[in-house]
Amino acid sequence: MTITHENTSTPKTTAHLQSELSATAKSKPARDAEHDSNNDSIDSVDSIDISQLSTPLKVDLSPVYEFLGARTSQAWVNAAIDNLPLIIQDHANCEKKAAGTAMNLIFRYEFSYDLQRKLAQLIREEMLHYEQVLGIMHERGQEWRYLSAGRYAKGMLKHKRTYEPAAMVDVLIIGAFIEARSCERFAALAEVINDARLAKYYRYLLKSESRHFEDYLALAQSLSEDNIDERVTFLKEVEAELISTPDTELRFHSGEPTAL
């Protein structure tokens, strides 16, 4: 789901992110030339066939860990490993929903070139990942079944403000937390999963997922006249509570598992 090319090896303030977004717009011709040669948004070697994907040797996840207000517990990891087909399908659902959300936003917020361009890139990448996860399910002989949505996204979105542009700013900040949590959980699963092919795929996803939360924060700040740090802090507490408190349903973004 890569939508920018910035290196985010260290966390940045929203002021820095806004400055970088402006610099990106000013240097667009040069950046477009670089994109044509490197094609980092949707890597030219990416394929629906996950056996053809290149996996980075190491990804620095310290910015992700510092951004999140809580880490995934071992209890969730254990439950996920014990219910892997459910987690794989919910991952597919997450990719499909993310593409759908981005598609809705691209029609609703047509005033921003940067937002439109990055949402278009996001939709392509989300759907590629959706196809890849479908392929994994097919390989494993896993049939699609109904799976209800968990409480996570709804629990975040109920705090979204109802007036513009604050509503859009909140959606993008929430998107940052969803991306960061996804990345953190891919990393946690890749470390312990007893499936080399699936572990490799999760490591492959870290290359793009580890940058996305800052992409969303930069877009959120670009749409707000006020500094968004206070809003980020508030939603950080909301997200951490959802992840840390008991949850009756196991999902990719669920909280502490209860009896399943």
C-alpha atoms as a PDB file:
ATOM      1  CA  MET A   1       0.000   0.000   0.000  1.00  0.00           C
ATOM      2  CA  THR A   2       2.924   2.392  -0.547  1.00  0.00           C
ATOM      3  CA  ILE A   3       1.715   5.879  -1.359  1.00  0.00           C
ATOM      4  CA  THR A   4       4.909   7.920  -0.904  1.00  0.00           C
ATOM      5  CA  HIS A   5       8.615   7.297  -1.226  1.00  0.00           C
ATOM      6  CA  GLU A   6       9.929   9.025   1.905  1.00  0.00           C
ATOM      7  CA  ASN A   7      12.359   7.257   4.229  1.00  0.00           C
ATOM      8  CA  THR A   8      10.821   7.225   7.717  1.00  0.00           C
ATOM      9  CA  SER A   9      13.609   5.694   9.747  1.00  0.00           C
ATOM     10  CA  THR A  10      12.916   8.172  12.565  1.00  0.00           C
ATOM     11  CA  PRO A  11       9.574   9.568  13.738  1.00  0.00           C
ATOM     12  CA  LYS A  12       8.749  13.140  12.663  1.00  0.00           C
ATOM     13  CA  THR A  13       6.607  15.913  14.085  1.00  0.00           C
ATOM     14  CA  THR A  14       3.574  17.004  12.122  1.00  0.00           C
ATOM     15  CA  ALA A  15       5.372  20.243  11.264  1.00  0.00           C
ATOM     16  CA  HIS A  16       8.154  18.247   9.610  1.00  0.00           C
ATOM     17  CA  LEU A  17       5.601  16.096   7.803  1.00  0.00           C
ATOM     18  CA  GLN A  18       3.780  19.151   6.466  1.00  0.00           C
ATOM     19  CA  SER A  19       7.084  20.629   5.292  1.00  0.00           C
ATOM     20  CA  GLU A  20       7.956  17.400   3.501  1.00  0.00           C
ATOM     21  CA  LEU A  21       4.581  17.333   1.771  1.00  0.00           C
ATOM     22  CA  SER A  22       5.140  20.858   0.445  1.00  0.00           C
ATOM     23  CA  ALA A  23       8.627  19.920  -0.720  1.00  0.00           C
ATOM     24  CA  THR A  24       7.177  16.918  -2.516  1.00  0.00           C
ATOM     25  CA  ALA A  25       4.779  19.107  -4.482  1.00  0.00           C
ATOM     26  CA  LYS A  26       7.544  21.572  -5.442  1.00  0.00           C
ATOM     27  CA  SER A  27       9.848  18.812  -6.675  1.00  0.00           C
ATOM     28  CA  LYS A  28       7.143  16.867  -8.514  1.00  0.00           C
ATOM     29  CA  PRO A  29       8.858  16.707 -11.953  1.00  0.00           C
ATOM     30  CA  ALA A  30      12.037  15.255 -10.463  1.00  0.00           C
ATOM     31  CA  ARG A  31      10.061  12.897  -8.245  1.00  0.00           C
ATOM     32  CA  ASP A  32       7.969  11.738 -11.211  1.00  0.00           C
ATOM     33  CA  ALA A  33      11.127  10.961 -13.162  1.00  0.00           C
ATOM     34  CA  GLU A  34      12.442   8.955 -10.220  1.00  0.00           C
ATOM     35  CA  HIS A  35       9.091   7.164  -9.929  1.00  0.00           C
ATOM     36  CA  ASP A  36       9.197   6.215 -13.621  1.00  0.00           C
ATOM     37  CA  SER A  37      12.585   4.561 -13.192  1.00  0.00           C
ATOM     38  CA  ASN A  38      12.125   2.986  -9.760  1.00  0.00           C
ATOM     39  CA  ASN A  39       8.328   2.506  -9.668  1.00  0.00           C
ATOM     40  CA  ASP A  40       8.292   2.280  -5.868  1.00  0.00           C
ATOM     41  CA  SER A  41       4.549   2.897  -5.471  1.00  0.00           C
ATOM     42  CA  ILE A  42       3.547  -0.395  -7.051  1.00  0.00           C
ATOM     43  CA  ASP A  43       6.838  -2.204  -7.447  1.00  0.00           C
ATOM     44  CA  SER A  44       7.264  -3.537 -10.992  1.00  0.00           C
ATOM     45  CA  VAL A  45       8.415  -6.890  -9.587  1.00  0.00           C
ATOM     46  CA  ASP A  46       5.268  -7.238  -7.492  1.00  0.00           C
ATOM     47  CA  SER A  47       3.110 -10.110  -8.572  1.00  0.00           C
ATOM     48  CA  ILE A  48      -0.073 -11.836  -7.568  1.00  0.00           C
ATOM     49  CA  ASP A  49       2.156 -14.920  -7.250  1.00  0.00           C
ATOM     50  CA  ILE A  50       3.755 -14.426  -3.835  1.00  0.00           C
ATOM     51  CA  SER A  51       6.586 -16.811  -4.726  1.00  0.00           C
ATOM     52  CA  GLN A  52       7.898 -14.078  -7.058  1.00  0.00           C
ATOM     53  CA  LEU A  53       8.013 -11.359  -4.406  1.00  0.00           C
ATOM     54  CA  SER A  54      11.265  -9.986  -3.043  1.00  0.00           C
ATOM     55  CA  THR A  55      11.530  -9.757   0.738  1.00  0.00           C
ATOM     56  CA  PRO A  56      13.636  -7.054   2.445  1.00  0.00           C
ATOM     57  CA  LEU A  57      16.358  -8.364   4.726  1.00  0.00           C
ATOM     58  CA  LYS A  58      15.462  -5.943   7.498  1.00  0.00           C
ATOM     59  CA  VAL A  59      12.928  -3.180   8.065  1.00  0.00           C
ATOM     60  CA  ASP A  60      13.306  -0.621  10.854  1.00  0.00           C
ATOM     61  CA  LEU A  61      10.029  -0.758  12.760  1.00  0.00           C
ATOM     62  CA  SER A  62      11.047   1.539  15.615  1.00  0.00           C
ATOM     63  CA  PRO A  63       8.960   4.466  14.244  1.00  0.00           C
ATOM     64  CA  VAL A  64       5.907   2.192  14.171  1.00  0.00           C
ATOM     65  CA  TYR A  65       6.465   0.984  17.729  1.00  0.00           C
ATOM     66  CA  GLU A  66       6.987   4.534  18.978  1.00  0.00           C
ATOM     67  CA  PHE A  67       3.823   5.754  17.249  1.00  0.00           C
ATOM     68  CA  LEU A  68       1.553   3.094  18.743  1.00  0.00           C
ATOM     69  CA  GLY A  69       0.373   3.420  22.325  1.00  0.00           C
ATOM     70  CA  ALA A  70       0.488  -0.328  23.076  1.00  0.00           C
ATOM     71  CA  ARG A  71       2.152  -3.445  21.721  1.00  0.00           C
ATOM     72  CA  THR A  72       0.367  -6.604  20.669  1.00  0.00           C
ATOM     73  CA  SER A  73       0.294  -9.161  23.474  1.00  0.00           C
ATOM     74  CA  GLN A  74       1.608 -12.693  23.296  1.00  0.00           C
ATOM     75  CA  ALA A  75      -1.932 -13.851  24.034  1.00  0.00           C
ATOM     76  CA  TRP A  76      -3.159 -12.340  20.764  1.00  0.00           C
ATOM     77  CA  VAL A  77      -0.242 -13.839  18.819  1.00  0.00           C
ATOM     78  CA  ASN A  78      -0.942 -17.284  20.311  1.00  0.00           C
ATOM     79  CA  ALA A  79      -4.652 -17.031  19.494  1.00  0.00           C
ATOM     80  CA  ALA A  80      -3.875 -15.893  15.944  1.00  0.00           C
ATOM     81  CA  ILE A  81      -1.532 -18.836  15.343  1.00  0.00           C
ATOM     82  CA  ASP A  82      -4.182 -21.222  16.676  1.00  0.00           C
ATOM     83  CA  ASN A  83      -6.808 -19.690  14.352  1.00  0.00           C
ATOM     84  CA  LEU A  84      -4.706 -18.916  11.305  1.00  0.00           C
ATOM     85  CA  PRO A  85      -7.405 -19.431   8.620  1.00  0.00           C
ATOM     86  CA  LEU A  86      -9.573 -16.827  10.365  1.00  0.00           C
ATOM     87  CA  ILE A  87      -6.675 -14.360  10.537  1.00  0.00           C
ATOM     88  CA  ILE A  88      -5.796 -14.904   6.871  1.00  0.00           C
ATOM     89  CA  GLN A  89      -9.357 -14.257   5.732  1.00  0.00           C
ATOM     90  CA  ASP A  90      -9.731 -11.216   7.963  1.00  0.00           C
ATOM     91  CA  HIS A  91      -6.485  -9.899   6.472  1.00  0.00           C
ATOM     92  CA  ALA A  92      -8.072 -10.271   3.030  1.00  0.00           C
ATOM     93  CA  ASN A  93     -11.150  -8.428   4.299  1.00  0.00           C
ATOM     94  CA  CYS A  94      -8.945  -5.618   5.618  1.00  0.00           C
ATOM     95  CA  GLU A  95      -7.216  -5.166   2.245  1.00  0.00           C
ATOM     96  CA  LYS A  96     -10.552  -5.115   0.411  1.00  0.00           C
ATOM     97  CA  LYS A  97     -12.120  -2.667   2.885  1.00  0.00           C
ATOM     98  CA  ALA A  98      -9.089  -0.384   2.698  1.00  0.00           C
ATOM     99  CA  ALA A  99      -9.393  -0.238  -1.092  1.00  0.00           C
ATOM    100  CA  GLY A 100     -13.125   0.479  -0.776  1.00  0.00           C
ATOM    101  CA  THR A 101     -12.545   3.230   1.779  1.00  0.00           C
ATOM    102  CA  ALA A 102      -9.911   4.864  -0.432  1.00  0.00           C
ATOM    103  CA  MET A 103     -12.272   4.665  -3.413  1.00  0.00           C
ATOM    104  CA  ASN A 104     -15.016   6.429  -1.434  1.00  0.00           C
ATOM    105  CA  LEU A 105     -12.575   9.132  -0.361  1.00  0.00           C
ATOM    106  CA  ILE A 106     -11.309   9.708  -3.891  1.00  0.00           C
ATOM    107  CA  PHE A 107     -14.853  10.635  -4.987  1.00  0.00           C
ATOM    108  CA  ARG A 108     -15.666  12.669  -1.884  1.00  0.00           C
ATOM    109  CA  TYR A 109     -12.495  14.785  -1.639  1.00  0.00           C
ATOM    110  CA  GLU A 110     -11.658  15.839  -5.190  1.00  0.00           C
ATOM    111  CA  PHE A 111     -10.152  19.211  -4.291  1.00  0.00           C
ATOM    112  CA  SER A 112      -6.671  17.971  -3.364  1.00  0.00           C
ATOM    113  CA  TYR A 113      -4.270  16.777  -6.068  1.00  0.00           C
ATOM    114  CA  ASP A 114      -1.890  15.158  -3.574  1.00  0.00           C
ATOM    115  CA  LEU A 115      -4.736  13.344  -1.855  1.00  0.00           C
ATOM    116  CA  GLN A 116      -6.208  12.129  -5.167  1.00  0.00           C
ATOM    117  CA  ARG A 117      -2.860  10.876  -6.472  1.00  0.00           C
ATOM    118  CA  LYS A 118      -1.943   9.035  -3.294  1.00  0.00           C
ATOM    119  CA  LEU A 119      -5.388   7.521  -2.873  1.00  0.00           C
ATOM    120  CA  ALA A 120      -5.201   6.218  -6.461  1.00  0.00           C
ATOM    121  CA  GLN A 121      -1.863   4.558  -5.693  1.00  0.00           C
ATOM    122  CA  LEU A 122      -3.289   3.169  -2.473  1.00  0.00           C
ATOM    123  CA  ILE A 123      -6.279   1.588  -4.218  1.00  0.00           C
ATOM    124  CA  ARG A 124      -4.032  -0.212  -6.708  1.00  0.00           C
ATOM    125  CA  GLU A 125      -1.784  -1.574  -4.009  1.00  0.00           C
ATOM    126  CA  GLU A 126      -4.594  -2.611  -1.670  1.00  0.00           C
ATOM    127  CA  MET A 127      -6.261  -4.583  -4.455  1.00  0.00           C
ATOM    128  CA  LEU A 128      -2.953  -6.227  -5.380  1.00  0.00           C
ATOM    129  CA  HIS A 129      -2.524  -7.341  -1.771  1.00  0.00           C
ATOM    130  CA  TYR A 130      -6.129  -8.541  -1.722  1.00  0.00           C
ATOM    131  CA  GLU A 131      -5.434 -10.724  -4.766  1.00  0.00           C
ATOM    132  CA  GLN A 132      -2.275 -12.041  -3.149  1.00  0.00           C
ATOM    133  CA  VAL A 133      -4.088 -13.057   0.032  1.00  0.00           C
ATOM    134  CA  LEU A 134      -6.837 -14.687  -2.023  1.00  0.00           C
ATOM    135  CA  GLY A 135      -4.074 -16.666  -3.723  1.00  0.00           C
ATOM    136  CA  ILE A 136      -2.740 -17.757  -0.350  1.00  0.00           C
ATOM    137  CA  MET A 137      -6.198 -18.940   0.673  1.00  0.00           C
ATOM    138  CA  HIS A 138      -6.532 -20.879  -2.584  1.00  0.00           C
ATOM    139  CA  GLU A 139      -3.123 -22.506  -2.108  1.00  0.00           C
ATOM    140  CA  ARG A 140      -4.116 -23.634   1.366  1.00  0.00           C
ATOM    141  CA  GLY A 141      -7.460 -25.004   0.190  1.00  0.00           C
ATOM    142  CA  GLN A 142      -9.240 -22.468   2.366  1.00  0.00           C
ATOM    143  CA  GLU A 143     -12.792 -21.650   1.357  1.00  0.00           C
ATOM    144  CA  TRP A 144     -14.261 -18.186   1.841  1.00  0.00           C
ATOM    145  CA  ARG A 145     -16.816 -17.951   4.601  1.00  0.00           C
ATOM    146  CA  TYR A 146     -18.803 -15.187   6.226  1.00  0.00           C
ATOM    147  CA  LEU A 147     -16.772 -13.236   8.783  1.00  0.00           C
ATOM    148  CA  SER A 148     -18.316 -10.335  10.653  1.00  0.00           C
ATOM    149  CA  ALA A 149     -16.394  -7.131  11.230  1.00  0.00           C
ATOM    150  CA  GLY A 150     -14.683  -6.708  14.581  1.00  0.00           C
ATOM    151  CA  ARG A 151     -15.058  -3.762  16.922  1.00  0.00           C
ATOM    152  CA  TYR A 152     -11.741  -2.062  16.060  1.00  0.00           C
ATOM    153  CA  ALA A 153     -12.530   0.225  13.111  1.00  0.00           C
ATOM    154  CA  LYS A 154     -15.984   1.085  14.462  1.00  0.00           C
ATOM    155  CA  GLY A 155     -14.440   1.843  17.848  1.00  0.00           C
ATOM    156  CA  MET A 156     -12.031   4.281  16.225  1.00  0.00           C
ATOM    157  CA  LEU A 157     -14.498   5.899  13.825  1.00  0.00           C
ATOM    158  CA  LYS A 158     -17.084   6.673  16.503  1.00  0.00           C
ATOM    159  CA  HIS A 159     -14.681   9.418  17.662  1.00  0.00           C
ATOM    160  CA  LYS A 160     -14.505  11.007  14.203  1.00  0.00           C
ATOM    161  CA  ARG A 161     -15.621  14.614  14.172  1.00  0.00           C
ATOM    162  CA  THR A 162     -18.688  15.390  12.040  1.00  0.00           C
ATOM    163  CA  TYR A 163     -17.677  18.614  10.279  1.00  0.00           C
ATOM    164  CA  GLU A 164     -15.168  19.240   7.514  1.00  0.00           C
ATOM    165  CA  PRO A 165     -12.236  19.310   7.147  1.00  0.00           C
ATOM    166  CA  ALA A 166     -11.955  17.860  10.665  1.00  0.00           C
ATOM    167  CA  ALA A 167     -13.819  14.692   9.655  1.00  0.00           C
ATOM    168  CA  MET A 168     -11.362  13.992   6.845  1.00  0.00           C
ATOM    169  CA  VAL A 169      -8.405  14.770   9.110  1.00  0.00           C
ATOM    170  CA  ASP A 170      -9.685  12.255  11.646  1.00  0.00           C
ATOM    171  CA  VAL A 171     -10.236   9.593   8.963  1.00  0.00           C
ATOM    172  CA  LEU A 172      -6.628   9.982   7.844  1.00  0.00           C
ATOM    173  CA  ILE A 173      -5.266   9.883  11.412  1.00  0.00           C
ATOM    174  CA  ILE A 174      -7.310   6.748  12.088  1.00  0.00           C
ATOM    175  CA  GLY A 175      -5.910   5.323   8.863  1.00  0.00           C
ATOM    176  CA  ALA A 176      -2.426   5.970  10.220  1.00  0.00           C
ATOM    177  CA  PHE A 177      -3.142   3.888  13.312  1.00  0.00           C
ATOM    178  CA  ILE A 178      -4.700   1.069  11.298  1.00  0.00           C
ATOM    179  CA  GLU A 179      -1.630   0.929   9.043  1.00  0.00           C
ATOM    180  CA  ALA A 180       0.785   1.028  11.967  1.00  0.00           C
ATOM    181  CA  ARG A 181      -1.091  -1.716  13.825  1.00  0.00           C
ATOM    182  CA  SER A 182      -1.208  -3.876  10.694  1.00  0.00           C
ATOM    183  CA  CYS A 183       2.539  -3.528  10.288  1.00  0.00           C
ATOM    184  CA  GLU A 184       3.209  -4.345  13.926  1.00  0.00           C
ATOM    185  CA  ARG A 185       1.101  -7.490  13.731  1.00  0.00           C
ATOM    186  CA  PHE A 186       2.609  -8.680  10.454  1.00  0.00           C
ATOM    187  CA  ALA A 187       6.010  -8.448  12.130  1.00  0.00           C
ATOM    188  CA  ALA A 188       4.819 -10.274  15.254  1.00  0.00           C
ATOM    189  CA  LEU A 189       3.318 -13.121  13.240  1.00  0.00           C
ATOM    190  CA  ALA A 190       6.299 -13.437  10.887  1.00  0.00           C
ATOM    191  CA  GLU A 191       8.578 -14.099  13.857  1.00  0.00           C
ATOM    192  CA  VAL A 192       6.715 -17.159  15.134  1.00  0.00           C
ATOM    193  CA  ILE A 193       4.479 -18.574  12.410  1.00  0.00           C
ATOM    194  CA  ASN A 194       5.236 -22.160  11.408  1.00  0.00           C
ATOM    195  CA  ASP A 195       4.723 -21.512   7.701  1.00  0.00           C
ATOM    196  CA  ALA A 196       7.790 -20.273   5.837  1.00  0.00           C
ATOM    197  CA  ARG A 197       5.837 -19.090   2.801  1.00  0.00           C
ATOM    198  CA  LEU A 198       3.351 -17.080   4.842  1.00  0.00           C
ATOM    199  CA  ALA A 199       6.085 -15.666   7.088  1.00  0.00           C
ATOM    200  CA  LYS A 200       7.955 -14.500   3.978  1.00  0.00           C
ATOM    201  CA  TYR A 201       4.821 -12.775   2.686  1.00  0.00           C
ATOM    202  CA  TYR A 202       4.285 -10.942   5.963  1.00  0.00           C
ATOM    203  CA  ARG A 203       7.906  -9.786   5.902  1.00  0.00           C
ATOM    204  CA  TYR A 204       7.414  -8.600   2.329  1.00  0.00           C
ATOM    205  CA  LEU A 205       4.469  -6.448   3.437  1.00  0.00           C
ATOM    206  CA  LEU A 206       6.622  -4.676   6.039  1.00  0.00           C
ATOM    207  CA  LYS A 207       8.497  -2.849   3.265  1.00  0.00           C
ATOM    208  CA  SER A 208       5.462  -0.746   2.448  1.00  0.00           C
ATOM    209  CA  GLU A 209       3.367  -0.992   5.597  1.00  0.00           C
ATOM    210  CA  SER A 210       6.118   0.396   7.831  1.00  0.00           C
ATOM    211  CA  ARG A 211       5.901   3.794   6.085  1.00  0.00           C
ATOM    212  CA  HIS A 212       2.199   4.236   5.653  1.00  0.00           C
ATOM    213  CA  PHE A 213       1.250   5.771   8.976  1.00  0.00           C
ATOM    214  CA  GLU A 214       3.472   8.780   8.250  1.00  0.00           C
ATOM    215  CA  ASP A 215       1.973   9.085   4.765  1.00  0.00           C
ATOM    216  CA  TYR A 216      -1.471   9.375   6.336  1.00  0.00           C
ATOM    217  CA  LEU A 217      -0.290  11.833   8.980  1.00  0.00           C
ATOM    218  CA  ALA A 218       1.269  14.065   6.313  1.00  0.00           C
ATOM    219  CA  LEU A 219      -1.977  14.095   4.363  1.00  0.00           C
ATOM    220  CA  ALA A 220      -3.989  14.812   7.527  1.00  0.00           C
ATOM    221  CA  GLN A 221      -1.758  17.757   8.450  1.00  0.00           C
ATOM    222  CA  SER A 222      -1.946  19.135   4.902  1.00  0.00           C
ATOM    223  CA  LEU A 223      -5.739  19.383   5.231  1.00  0.00           C
ATOM    224  CA  SER A 224      -5.723  21.061   8.654  1.00  0.00           C
ATOM    225  CA  GLU A 225      -4.909  24.658   9.488  1.00  0.00           C
ATOM    226  CA  ASP A 226      -4.180  23.588  13.071  1.00  0.00           C
ATOM    227  CA  ASN A 227      -1.463  21.282  14.323  1.00  0.00           C
ATOM    228  CA  ILE A 228      -2.871  17.755  14.556  1.00  0.00           C
ATOM    229  CA  ASP A 229      -0.612  16.494  17.371  1.00  0.00           C
ATOM    230  CA  GLU A 230      -3.322  16.847  20.027  1.00  0.00           C
ATOM    231  CA  ARG A 231      -5.774  14.892  17.903  1.00  0.00           C
ATOM    232  CA  VAL A 232      -3.171  12.198  17.236  1.00  0.00           C
ATOM    233  CA  THR A 233      -2.543  11.855  20.977  1.00  0.00           C
ATOM    234  CA  PHE A 234      -6.249  11.448  21.687  1.00  0.00           C
ATOM    235  CA  LEU A 235      -6.771   8.787  19.014  1.00  0.00           C
ATOM    236  CA  LYS A 236      -3.593   7.031  20.128  1.00  0.00           C
ATOM    237  CA  GLU A 237      -5.215   6.467  23.528  1.00  0.00           C
ATOM    238  CA  VAL A 238      -8.414   5.209  21.895  1.00  0.00           C
ATOM    239  CA  GLU A 239      -6.511   2.743  19.704  1.00  0.00           C
ATOM    240  CA  ALA A 240      -4.356   1.468  22.559  1.00  0.00           C
ATOM    241  CA  GLU A 241      -7.448   0.799  24.677  1.00  0.00           C
ATOM    242  CA  LEU A 242      -9.108  -1.162  21.860  1.00  0.00           C
ATOM    243  CA  ILE A 243      -5.981  -3.301  21.479  1.00  0.00           C
ATOM    244  CA  SER A 244      -5.363  -3.823  25.195  1.00  0.00           C
ATOM    245  CA  THR A 245      -8.850  -4.566  26.530  1.00  0.00           C
ATOM    246  CA  PRO A 246     -10.718  -7.901  26.327  1.00  0.00           C
ATOM    247  CA  ASP A 247     -12.346  -8.688  22.992  1.00  0.00           C
ATOM    248  CA  THR A 248     -14.897 -11.435  22.382  1.00  0.00           C
ATOM    249  CA  GLU A 249     -14.017 -11.749  18.669  1.00  0.00           C
ATOM    250  CA  LEU A 250     -10.604 -12.639  17.279  1.00  0.00           C
ATOM    251  CA  ARG A 251      -9.720 -10.507  14.269  1.00  0.00           C
ATOM    252  CA  PHE A 252      -6.555  -9.101  12.723  1.00  0.00           C
ATOM    253  CA  HIS A 253      -7.055  -5.877  14.703  1.00  0.00           C
ATOM    254  CA  SER A 254      -8.830  -7.274  17.753  1.00  0.00           C
ATOM    255  CA  GLY A 255      -8.003  -6.708  21.405  1.00  0.00           C
ATOM    256  CA  GLU A 256      -7.038  -9.145  24.121  1.00  0.00           C
ATOM    257  CA  PRO A 257      -8.633 -12.501  23.260  1.00  0.00           C
ATOM    258  CA  THR A 258     -11.167 -13.978  25.613  1.00  0.00           C
ATOM    259  CA  ALA A 259     -12.470 -17.558  25.391  1.00  0.00           C
ATOM    260  CA  LEU A 260     -12.864 -18.416  21.697  1.00  0.00           C
END
